[in-house]
PDB file of N, CA and C in Angstrom:
ATOM      1  N   MET A   1     136.204 -95.033 106.777  1.00  0.00           N
ATOM      2  CA  MET A   1     135.255 -94.071 106.047  1.00  0.00           C
ATOM      3  C   MET A   1     134.210 -95.036 105.434  1.00  0.00           C
ATOM      4  N   THR A   2     132.966 -94.330 105.830  1.00  0.00           N
ATOM      5  CA  THR A   2     131.654 -94.814 105.295  1.00  0.00           C
ATOM      6  C   THR A   2     131.403 -94.474 103.819  1.00  0.00           C
ATOM      7  N   SER A   3     130.664 -95.211 103.314  1.00  0.00           N
ATOM      8  CA  SER A   3     130.255 -94.983 101.909  1.00  0.00           C
ATOM      9  C   SER A   3     129.598 -93.648 101.718  1.00  0.00           C
ATOM     10  N   LYS A   4     128.717 -93.223 102.955  1.00  0.00           N
ATOM     11  CA  LYS A   4     127.992 -91.918 102.633  1.00  0.00           C
ATOM     12  C   LYS A   4     129.245 -90.877 102.750  1.00  0.00           C
ATOM     13  N   GLN A   5     130.185 -90.804 103.733  1.00  0.00           N
ATOM     14  CA  GLN A   5     131.200 -89.851 103.853  1.00  0.00           C
ATOM     15  C   GLN A   5     132.111 -90.058 102.361  1.00  0.00           C
ATOM     16  N   ARG A   6     132.236 -90.963 101.894  1.00  0.00           N
ATOM     17  CA  ARG A   6     133.030 -90.978 100.560  1.00  0.00           C
ATOM     18  C   ARG A   6     132.278 -90.344  99.473  1.00  0.00           C
ATOM     19  N   ALA A   7     131.111 -90.843  99.551  1.00  0.00           N
ATOM     20  CA  ALA A   7     130.163 -90.185  98.585  1.00  0.00           C
ATOM     21  C   ALA A   7     130.157 -88.461  98.632  1.00  0.00           C
ATOM     22  N   TYR A   8     130.168 -88.043  99.941  1.00  0.00           N
ATOM     23  CA  TYR A   8     130.079 -86.487 100.113  1.00  0.00           C
ATOM     24  C   TYR A   8     131.450 -85.848  99.641  1.00  0.00           C
ATOM     25  N   LEU A   9     132.596 -86.737 100.024  1.00  0.00           N
ATOM     26  CA  LEU A   9     133.915 -85.961  99.587  1.00  0.00           C
ATOM     27  C   LEU A   9     134.100 -86.045  98.016  1.00  0.00           C
ATOM     28  N   ILE A  10     133.438 -87.203  97.415  1.00  0.00           N
ATOM     29  CA  ILE A  10     133.331 -87.234  95.973  1.00  0.00           C
ATOM     30  C   ILE A  10     132.598 -86.086  95.277  1.00  0.00           C
ATOM     31  N   HIS A  11     131.639 -85.670  95.898  1.00  0.00           N
ATOM     32  CA  HIS A  11     130.768 -84.529  95.414  1.00  0.00           C
ATOM     33  C   HIS A  11     131.736 -83.168  95.713  1.00  0.00           C
ATOM     34  N   LEU A  12     132.392 -83.163  96.874  1.00  0.00           N
ATOM     35  CA  LEU A  12     133.135 -81.763  96.925  1.00  0.00           C
ATOM     36  C   LEU A  12     134.145 -81.842  96.047  1.00  0.00           C
ATOM     37  N   ALA A  13     134.818 -82.951  95.590  1.00  0.00           N
ATOM     38  CA  ALA A  13     136.085 -82.983  94.892  1.00  0.00           C
ATOM     39  C   ALA A  13     135.745 -82.715  93.283  1.00  0.00           C
ATOM     40  N   SER A  14     134.480 -83.052  93.069  1.00  0.00           N
ATOM     41  CA  SER A  14     133.957 -82.859  91.717  1.00  0.00           C
ATOM     42  C   SER A  14     134.299 -81.275  91.087  1.00  0.00           C
ATOM     43  N   ASP A  15     134.275 -80.369  91.771  1.00  0.00           N
ATOM     44  CA  ASP A  15     134.580 -79.017  91.661  1.00  0.00           C
ATOM     45  C   ASP A  15     135.863 -78.595  91.790  1.00  0.00           C
ATOM     46  N   LEU A  16     136.846 -79.534  92.224  1.00  0.00           N
ATOM     47  CA  LEU A  16     138.272 -79.153  92.271  1.00  0.00           C
ATOM     48  C   LEU A  16     139.151 -79.353  91.182  1.00  0.00           C
ATOM     49  N   ASP A  17     140.191 -78.580  91.079  1.00  0.00           N
ATOM     50  CA  ASP A  17     141.236 -78.736  89.881  1.00  0.00           C
ATOM     51  C   ASP A  17     142.398 -79.513  90.478  1.00  0.00           C
ATOM     52  N   PRO A  18     143.072 -80.336  89.685  1.00  0.00           N
ATOM     53  CA  PRO A  18     144.188 -80.896  90.197  1.00  0.00           C
ATOM     54  C   PRO A  18     145.201 -80.159  90.932  1.00  0.00           C
ATOM     55  N   VAL A  19     145.646 -80.194  91.983  1.00  0.00           N
ATOM     56  CA  VAL A  19     146.791 -79.196  92.648  1.00  0.00           C
ATOM     57  C   VAL A  19     148.158 -79.844  92.409  1.00  0.00           C
ATOM     58  N   LEU A  20     148.304 -81.115  92.089  1.00  0.00           N
ATOM     59  CA  LEU A  20     149.668 -81.627  91.897  1.00  0.00           C
ATOM     60  C   LEU A  20     149.567 -82.846  90.625  1.00  0.00           C
ATOM     61  N   GLN A  21     150.685 -82.897  89.990  1.00  0.00           N
ATOM     62  CA  GLN A  21     150.903 -83.757  88.851  1.00  0.00           C
ATOM     63  C   GLN A  21     151.750 -84.832  89.030  1.00  0.00           C
ATOM     64  N   ILE A  22     151.764 -86.105  88.708  1.00  0.00           N
ATOM     65  CA  ILE A  22     152.616 -87.274  88.746  1.00  0.00           C
ATOM     66  C   ILE A  22     153.024 -87.371  87.226  1.00  0.00           C
ATOM     67  N   GLY A  23     154.486 -87.207  87.145  1.00  0.00           N
ATOM     68  CA  GLY A  23     155.038 -87.410  85.852  1.00  0.00           C
ATOM     69  C   GLY A  23     155.790 -88.697  85.659  1.00  0.00           C
ATOM     70  N   LYS A  24     156.613 -88.556  84.883  1.00  0.00           N
ATOM     71  CA  LYS A  24     157.395 -89.951  84.588  1.00  0.00           C
ATOM     72  C   LYS A  24     158.281 -90.344  85.677  1.00  0.00           C
ATOM     73  N   SER A  25     158.755 -89.520  86.533  1.00  0.00           N
ATOM     74  CA  SER A  25     159.649 -89.993  87.522  1.00  0.00           C
ATOM     75  C   SER A  25     158.755 -90.516  88.785  1.00  0.00           C
ATOM     76  N   SER A  26     157.280 -90.614  88.570  1.00  0.00           N
ATOM     77  CA  SER A  26     156.330 -91.096  89.523  1.00  0.00           C
ATOM     78  C   SER A  26     156.379 -90.719  90.789  1.00  0.00           C
ATOM     79  N   VAL A  27     156.362 -91.371  91.892  1.00  0.00           N
ATOM     80  CA  VAL A  27     156.133 -90.876  93.258  1.00  0.00           C
ATOM     81  C   VAL A  27     157.691 -90.664  94.030  1.00  0.00           C
ATOM     82  N   THR A  28     158.153 -89.547  93.960  1.00  0.00           N
ATOM     83  CA  THR A  28     159.509 -89.296  94.667  1.00  0.00           C
ATOM     84  C   THR A  28     159.307 -88.761  95.928  1.00  0.00           C
ATOM     85  N   PRO A  29     160.350 -88.753  96.662  1.00  0.00           N
ATOM     86  CA  PRO A  29     160.259 -87.966  98.142  1.00  0.00           C
ATOM     87  C   PRO A  29     159.847 -86.739  97.946  1.00  0.00           C
ATOM     88  N   GLU A  30     160.322 -85.906  97.143  1.00  0.00           N
ATOM     89  CA  GLU A  30     159.953 -84.560  96.786  1.00  0.00           C
ATOM     90  C   GLU A  30     158.289 -84.395  96.803  1.00  0.00           C
ATOM     91  N   PHE A  31     157.727 -85.246  95.926  1.00  0.00           N
ATOM     92  CA  PHE A  31     156.515 -85.340  95.562  1.00  0.00           C
ATOM     93  C   PHE A  31     155.631 -85.825  96.793  1.00  0.00           C
ATOM     94  N   VAL A  32     156.031 -86.561  97.730  1.00  0.00           N
ATOM     95  CA  VAL A  32     155.351 -86.963  98.842  1.00  0.00           C
ATOM     96  C   VAL A  32     155.372 -85.690  99.616  1.00  0.00           C
ATOM     97  N   GLU A  33     156.588 -85.076  99.997  1.00  0.00           N
ATOM     98  CA  GLU A  33     156.533 -83.600 100.698  1.00  0.00           C
ATOM     99  C   GLU A  33     155.588 -82.779 100.200  1.00  0.00           C
ATOM    100  N   ALA A  34     155.305 -82.608  98.865  1.00  0.00           N
ATOM    101  CA  ALA A  34     154.669 -81.347  98.446  1.00  0.00           C
ATOM    102  C   ALA A  34     153.221 -81.841  98.527  1.00  0.00           C
ATOM    103  N   VAL A  35     152.713 -83.442  98.627  1.00  0.00           N
ATOM    104  CA  VAL A  35     151.506 -83.660  99.115  1.00  0.00           C
ATOM    105  C   VAL A  35     151.300 -83.209 100.386  1.00  0.00           C
ATOM    106  N   SER A  36     152.246 -83.489 101.373  1.00  0.00           N
ATOM    107  CA  SER A  36     152.047 -83.250 102.628  1.00  0.00           C
ATOM    108  C   SER A  36     151.919 -81.626 102.888  1.00  0.00           C
ATOM    109  N   GLU A  37     152.606 -80.800 102.163  1.00  0.00           N
ATOM    110  CA  GLU A  37     152.339 -79.485 102.219  1.00  0.00           C
ATOM    111  C   GLU A  37     150.853 -78.913 101.781  1.00  0.00           C
ATOM    112  N   ALA A  38     150.564 -79.776 100.827  1.00  0.00           N
ATOM    113  CA  ALA A  38     149.222 -79.413 100.343  1.00  0.00           C
ATOM    114  C   ALA A  38     148.077 -79.755 101.324  1.00  0.00           C
ATOM    115  N   PHE A  39     148.260 -80.850 102.152  1.00  0.00           N
ATOM    116  CA  PHE A  39     147.290 -81.105 103.105  1.00  0.00           C
ATOM    117  C   PHE A  39     147.310 -80.101 104.343  1.00  0.00           C
ATOM    118  N   ASN A  40     148.303 -79.453 104.447  1.00  0.00           N
ATOM    119  CA  ASN A  40     148.609 -78.305 105.666  1.00  0.00           C
ATOM    120  C   ASN A  40     147.661 -77.385 105.153  1.00  0.00           C
ATOM    121  N   ARG A  41     147.206 -77.016 103.803  1.00  0.00           N
ATOM    122  CA  ARG A  41     146.245 -75.919 103.445  1.00  0.00           C
ATOM    123  C   ARG A  41     144.969 -76.518 103.214  1.00  0.00           C
ATOM    124  N   ARG A  42     144.880 -77.657 102.728  1.00  0.00           N
ATOM    125  CA  ARG A  42     143.266 -78.078 102.612  1.00  0.00           C
ATOM    126  C   ARG A  42     143.401 -79.580 103.017  1.00  0.00           C
ATOM    127  N   GLU A  43     142.122 -80.084 103.038  1.00  0.00           N
ATOM    128  CA  GLU A  43     141.692 -81.358 103.536  1.00  0.00           C
ATOM    129  C   GLU A  43     141.683 -82.429 102.349  1.00  0.00           C
ATOM    130  N   LEU A  44     141.171 -81.807 101.212  1.00  0.00           N
ATOM    131  CA  LEU A  44     140.980 -82.606 100.037  1.00  0.00           C
ATOM    132  C   LEU A  44     141.632 -82.125  98.976  1.00  0.00           C
ATOM    133  N   ILE A  45     142.534 -83.124  98.320  1.00  0.00           N
ATOM    134  CA  ILE A  45     143.068 -82.645  97.337  1.00  0.00           C
ATOM    135  C   ILE A  45     142.956 -83.667  95.862  1.00  0.00           C
ATOM    136  N   LYS A  46     143.037 -83.154  94.712  1.00  0.00           N
ATOM    137  CA  LYS A  46     143.077 -83.964  93.538  1.00  0.00           C
ATOM    138  C   LYS A  46     144.474 -83.824  92.787  1.00  0.00           C
ATOM    139  N   ILE A  47     144.936 -85.067  92.522  1.00  0.00           N
ATOM    140  CA  ILE A  47     146.042 -85.146  91.792  1.00  0.00           C
ATOM    141  C   ILE A  47     145.993 -85.831  90.331  1.00  0.00           C
ATOM    142  N   SER A  48     146.640 -85.298  89.404  1.00  0.00           N
ATOM    143  CA  SER A  48     146.638 -85.817  88.131  1.00  0.00           C
ATOM    144  C   SER A  48     147.789 -86.541  87.708  1.00  0.00           C
ATOM    145  N   VAL A  49     147.482 -87.576  86.991  1.00  0.00           N
ATOM    146  CA  VAL A  49     148.556 -88.652  86.617  1.00  0.00           C
ATOM    147  C   VAL A  49     148.664 -88.322  85.258  1.00  0.00           C
ATOM    148  N   LEU A  50     149.889 -87.860  84.934  1.00  0.00           N
ATOM    149  CA  LEU A  50     150.355 -87.497  83.372  1.00  0.00           C
ATOM    150  C   LEU A  50     150.236 -88.766  82.593  1.00  0.00           C
ATOM    151  N   ASN A  51     150.182 -88.449  81.123  1.00  0.00           N
ATOM    152  CA  ASN A  51     150.397 -89.777  80.328  1.00  0.00           C
ATOM    153  C   ASN A  51     151.824 -90.205  80.153  1.00  0.00           C
ATOM    154  N   ASN A  52     152.775 -89.503  80.420  1.00  0.00           N
ATOM    155  CA  ASN A  52     154.215 -90.255  80.363  1.00  0.00           C
ATOM    156  C   ASN A  52     154.491 -90.895  81.686  1.00  0.00           C
ATOM    157  N   CYS A  53     153.575 -90.906  82.594  1.00  0.00           N
ATOM    158  CA  CYS A  53     153.820 -91.840  83.798  1.00  0.00           C
ATOM    159  C   CYS A  53     153.166 -93.096  83.607  1.00  0.00           C
ATOM    160  N   LEU A  54     154.115 -94.155  83.485  1.00  0.00           N
ATOM    161  CA  LEU A  54     153.566 -95.537  83.194  1.00  0.00           C
ATOM    162  C   LEU A  54     153.015 -96.472  84.374  1.00  0.00           C
ATOM    163  N   ASP A  55     152.961 -95.945  85.322  1.00  0.00           N
ATOM    164  CA  ASP A  55     152.594 -96.580  86.599  1.00  0.00           C
ATOM    165  C   ASP A  55     151.076 -96.540  86.473  1.00  0.00           C
ATOM    166  N   ASP A  56     150.497 -97.530  87.278  1.00  0.00           N
ATOM    167  CA  ASP A  56     148.941 -97.721  87.489  1.00  0.00           C
ATOM    168  C   ASP A  56     148.461 -96.503  88.474  1.00  0.00           C
ATOM    169  N   PRO A  57     147.670 -95.759  87.994  1.00  0.00           N
ATOM    170  CA  PRO A  57     147.010 -94.639  88.990  1.00  0.00           C
ATOM    171  C   PRO A  57     146.656 -95.176  90.254  1.00  0.00           C
ATOM    172  N   LYS A  58     145.792 -96.328  90.291  1.00  0.00           N
ATOM    173  CA  LYS A  58     145.413 -96.888  91.724  1.00  0.00           C
ATOM    174  C   LYS A  58     146.499 -97.286  92.606  1.00  0.00           C
ATOM    175  N   GLU A  59     147.622 -97.812  92.066  1.00  0.00           N
ATOM    176  CA  GLU A  59     148.735 -98.144  92.862  1.00  0.00           C
ATOM    177  C   GLU A  59     149.423 -96.947  93.373  1.00  0.00           C
ATOM    178  N   LEU A  60     149.548 -95.971  92.570  1.00  0.00           N
ATOM    179  CA  LEU A  60     150.104 -94.671  92.909  1.00  0.00           C
ATOM    180  C   LEU A  60     149.333 -94.084  93.970  1.00  0.00           C
ATOM    181  N   ALA A  61     147.963 -94.061  94.069  1.00  0.00           N
ATOM    182  CA  ALA A  61     147.036 -93.370  94.844  1.00  0.00           C
ATOM    183  C   ALA A  61     147.304 -94.181  96.313  1.00  0.00           C
ATOM    184  N   TYR A  62     147.572 -95.450  96.292  1.00  0.00           N
ATOM    185  CA  TYR A  62     147.628 -96.049  97.565  1.00  0.00           C
ATOM    186  C   TYR A  62     149.191 -95.797  98.197  1.00  0.00           C
ATOM    187  N   THR A  63     149.994 -95.592  97.341  1.00  0.00           N
ATOM    188  CA  THR A  63     151.312 -95.389  97.762  1.00  0.00           C
ATOM    189  C   THR A  63     151.394 -94.060  98.408  1.00  0.00           C
ATOM    190  N   VAL A  64     150.975 -93.070  97.710  1.00  0.00           N
ATOM    191  CA  VAL A  64     150.857 -91.813  98.215  1.00  0.00           C
ATOM    192  C   VAL A  64     150.204 -91.699  99.506  1.00  0.00           C
ATOM    193  N   ALA A  65     148.993 -92.184  99.497  1.00  0.00           N
ATOM    194  CA  ALA A  65     148.069 -92.147 100.693  1.00  0.00           C
ATOM    195  C   ALA A  65     148.810 -92.952 101.903  1.00  0.00           C
ATOM    196  N   GLY A  66     149.414 -93.928 101.746  1.00  0.00           N
ATOM    197  CA  GLY A  66     150.310 -94.516 102.710  1.00  0.00           C
ATOM    198  C   GLY A  66     151.379 -93.855 103.208  1.00  0.00           C
ATOM    199  N   ARG A  67     152.161 -93.219 102.364  1.00  0.00           N
ATOM    200  CA  ARG A  67     153.263 -92.256 102.645  1.00  0.00           C
ATOM    201  C   ARG A  67     152.817 -90.799 103.326  1.00  0.00           C
ATOM    202  N   THR A  68     151.616 -90.466 103.214  1.00  0.00           N
ATOM    203  CA  THR A  68     151.147 -89.373 103.692  1.00  0.00           C
ATOM    204  C   THR A  68     150.205 -89.421 104.899  1.00  0.00           C
ATOM    205  N   ARG A  69     149.861 -90.548 105.068  1.00  0.00           N
ATOM    206  CA  ARG A  69     148.749 -91.026 106.066  1.00  0.00           C
ATOM    207  C   ARG A  69     147.295 -90.445 105.862  1.00  0.00           C
ATOM    208  N   SER A  70     147.120 -90.454 104.705  1.00  0.00           N
ATOM    209  CA  SER A  70     145.762 -89.996 104.106  1.00  0.00           C
ATOM    210  C   SER A  70     145.025 -91.198 103.545  1.00  0.00           C
ATOM    211  N   GLN A  71     143.774 -90.853 103.122  1.00  0.00           N
ATOM    212  CA  GLN A  71     142.764 -91.932 102.667  1.00  0.00           C
ATOM    213  C   GLN A  71     142.549 -91.671 101.171  1.00  0.00           C
ATOM    214  N   VAL A  72     142.439 -92.782 100.297  1.00  0.00           N
ATOM    215  CA  VAL A  72     142.051 -92.607  99.129  1.00  0.00           C
ATOM    216  C   VAL A  72     140.425 -92.420  98.956  1.00  0.00           C
ATOM    217  N   VAL A  73     140.089 -91.412  98.265  1.00  0.00           N
ATOM    218  CA  VAL A  73     138.535 -91.300  98.271  1.00  0.00           C
ATOM    219  C   VAL A  73     138.260 -91.900  96.980  1.00  0.00           C
ATOM    220  N   GLN A  74     138.913 -91.647  95.720  1.00  0.00           N
ATOM    221  CA  GLN A  74     138.501 -91.963  94.371  1.00  0.00           C
ATOM    222  C   GLN A  74     139.691 -91.980  93.511  1.00  0.00           C
ATOM    223  N   VAL A  75     139.630 -92.914  92.714  1.00  0.00           N
ATOM    224  CA  VAL A  75     140.559 -92.938  91.543  1.00  0.00           C
ATOM    225  C   VAL A  75     139.669 -93.204  90.175  1.00  0.00           C
ATOM    226  N   ILE A  76     139.641 -92.118  89.198  1.00  0.00           N
ATOM    227  CA  ILE A  76     138.833 -92.307  88.093  1.00  0.00           C
ATOM    228  C   ILE A  76     139.879 -91.878  86.875  1.00  0.00           C
ATOM    229  N   GLY A  77     139.955 -93.028  86.090  1.00  0.00           N
ATOM    230  CA  GLY A  77     141.013 -92.758  85.166  1.00  0.00           C
ATOM    231  C   GLY A  77     142.411 -92.368  85.603  1.00  0.00           C
ATOM    232  N   LYS A  78     142.786 -91.126  85.307  1.00  0.00           N
ATOM    233  CA  LYS A  78     144.317 -90.609  85.820  1.00  0.00           C
ATOM    234  C   LYS A  78     143.902 -89.487  86.800  1.00  0.00           C
ATOM    235  N   LYS A  79     142.828 -89.447  87.613  1.00  0.00           N
ATOM    236  CA  LYS A  79     142.687 -88.580  88.440  1.00  0.00           C
ATOM    237  C   LYS A  79     142.416 -89.181  89.879  1.00  0.00           C
ATOM    238  N   ILE A  80     143.272 -88.672  90.696  1.00  0.00           N
ATOM    239  CA  ILE A  80     143.334 -89.267  92.117  1.00  0.00           C
ATOM    240  C   ILE A  80     142.715 -88.412  93.101  1.00  0.00           C
ATOM    241  N   VAL A  81     141.777 -88.611  94.020  1.00  0.00           N
ATOM    242  CA  VAL A  81     141.183 -87.619  95.078  1.00  0.00           C
ATOM    243  C   VAL A  81     141.598 -88.384  96.469  1.00  0.00           C
ATOM    244  N   LEU A  82     142.362 -87.578  97.158  1.00  0.00           N
ATOM    245  CA  LEU A  82     142.783 -87.963  98.701  1.00  0.00           C
ATOM    246  C   LEU A  82     142.400 -86.996  99.757  1.00  0.00           C
ATOM    247  N   TYR A  83     142.071 -87.651 100.729  1.00  0.00           N
ATOM    248  CA  TYR A  83     141.520 -86.856 102.177  1.00  0.00           C
ATOM    249  C   TYR A  83     142.192 -87.167 103.261  1.00  0.00           C
ATOM    250  N   LYS A  84     142.774 -86.188 103.956  1.00  0.00           N
ATOM    251  CA  LYS A  84     143.260 -86.159 105.190  1.00  0.00           C
ATOM    252  C   LYS A  84     142.816 -85.013 106.149  1.00  0.00           C
ATOM    253  N   GLU A  85     142.276 -85.714 107.202  1.00  0.00           N
ATOM    254  CA  GLU A  85     141.636 -84.751 108.341  1.00  0.00           C
ATOM    255  C   GLU A  85     142.757 -83.909 108.819  1.00  0.00           C
ATOM    256  N   ASN A  86     142.337 -82.584 108.948  1.00  0.00           N
ATOM    257  CA  ASN A  86     143.200 -81.712 109.759  1.00  0.00           C
ATOM    258  C   ASN A  86     142.731 -81.276 110.951  1.00  0.00           C
ATOM    259  N   LYS A  87     143.205 -81.872 111.994  1.00  0.00           N
ATOM    260  CA  LYS A  87     142.602 -81.771 113.268  1.00  0.00           C
ATOM    261  C   LYS A  87     142.689 -80.252 113.959  1.00  0.00           C
ATOM    262  N   ASP A  88     143.689 -79.440 113.499  1.00  0.00           N
ATOM    263  CA  ASP A  88     143.743 -78.129 114.022  1.00  0.00           C
ATOM    264  C   ASP A  88     143.003 -77.146 113.293  1.00  0.00           C
ATOM    265  N   ASN A  89     142.898 -77.515 112.135  1.00  0.00           N
ATOM    266  CA  ASN A  89     142.040 -76.398 111.196  1.00  0.00           C
ATOM    267  C   ASN A  89     140.928 -77.302 110.383  1.00  0.00           C
ATOM    268  N   LYS A  90     139.970 -77.790 110.797  1.00  0.00           N
ATOM    269  CA  LYS A  90     138.977 -78.718 110.318  1.00  0.00           C
ATOM    270  C   LYS A  90     138.154 -77.825 109.385  1.00  0.00           C
ATOM    271  N   LYS A  91     138.066 -78.103 108.030  1.00  0.00           N
ATOM    272  CA  LYS A  91     137.300 -77.172 107.286  1.00  0.00           C
ATOM    273  C   LYS A  91     135.988 -78.171 106.631  1.00  0.00           C
ATOM    274  N   ILE A  92     136.158 -79.489 106.639  1.00  0.00           N
ATOM    275  CA  ILE A  92     135.179 -80.433 106.122  1.00  0.00           C
ATOM    276  C   ILE A  92     134.494 -81.231 107.236  1.00  0.00           C
ATOM    277  N   MET A  93     133.230 -81.011 107.258  1.00  0.00           N
ATOM    278  CA  MET A  93     132.563 -81.905 108.350  1.00  0.00           C
ATOM    279  C   MET A  93     131.854 -82.995 107.689  1.00  0.00           C
ATOM    280  N   LEU A  94     132.412 -84.139 107.897  1.00  0.00           N
ATOM    281  CA  LEU A  94     132.058 -85.500 107.236  1.00  0.00           C
ATOM    282  C   LEU A  94     130.542 -85.696 107.866  1.00  0.00           C
ATOM    283  N   PRO A  95     129.617 -86.383 107.084  1.00  0.00           N
ATOM    284  CA  PRO A  95     128.373 -86.955 107.680  1.00  0.00           C
ATOM    285  C   PRO A  95     128.477 -88.278 108.604  1.00  0.00           C
ATOM    286  N   LEU A  96     127.819 -88.254 109.432  1.00  0.00           N
ATOM    287  CA  LEU A  96     127.942 -89.640 110.236  1.00  0.00           C
ATOM    288  C   LEU A  96     127.318 -90.788 109.575  1.00  0.00           C
TER     289      LEU A  96
END
């Protein structure tokens, strides 16, 4: 992903509300499944890390991205933005 594409996705994500939350149980198989289901409906998702989760949000972002085969767009504070291209139902056209 180029910096121009990342900037475009960050711009799109600024209006999004978090669709999932990571709590004290951290990244469970059920959470990974929920993220995968969210990617079936949309290509760009925002995840919120709750205060009771003691893990580093950046590490959590790369763990979830690895398990869902998605890309980390941004981690700011306790917010994570992930992108996964949907080949069947493409909604976001990334700039070249």
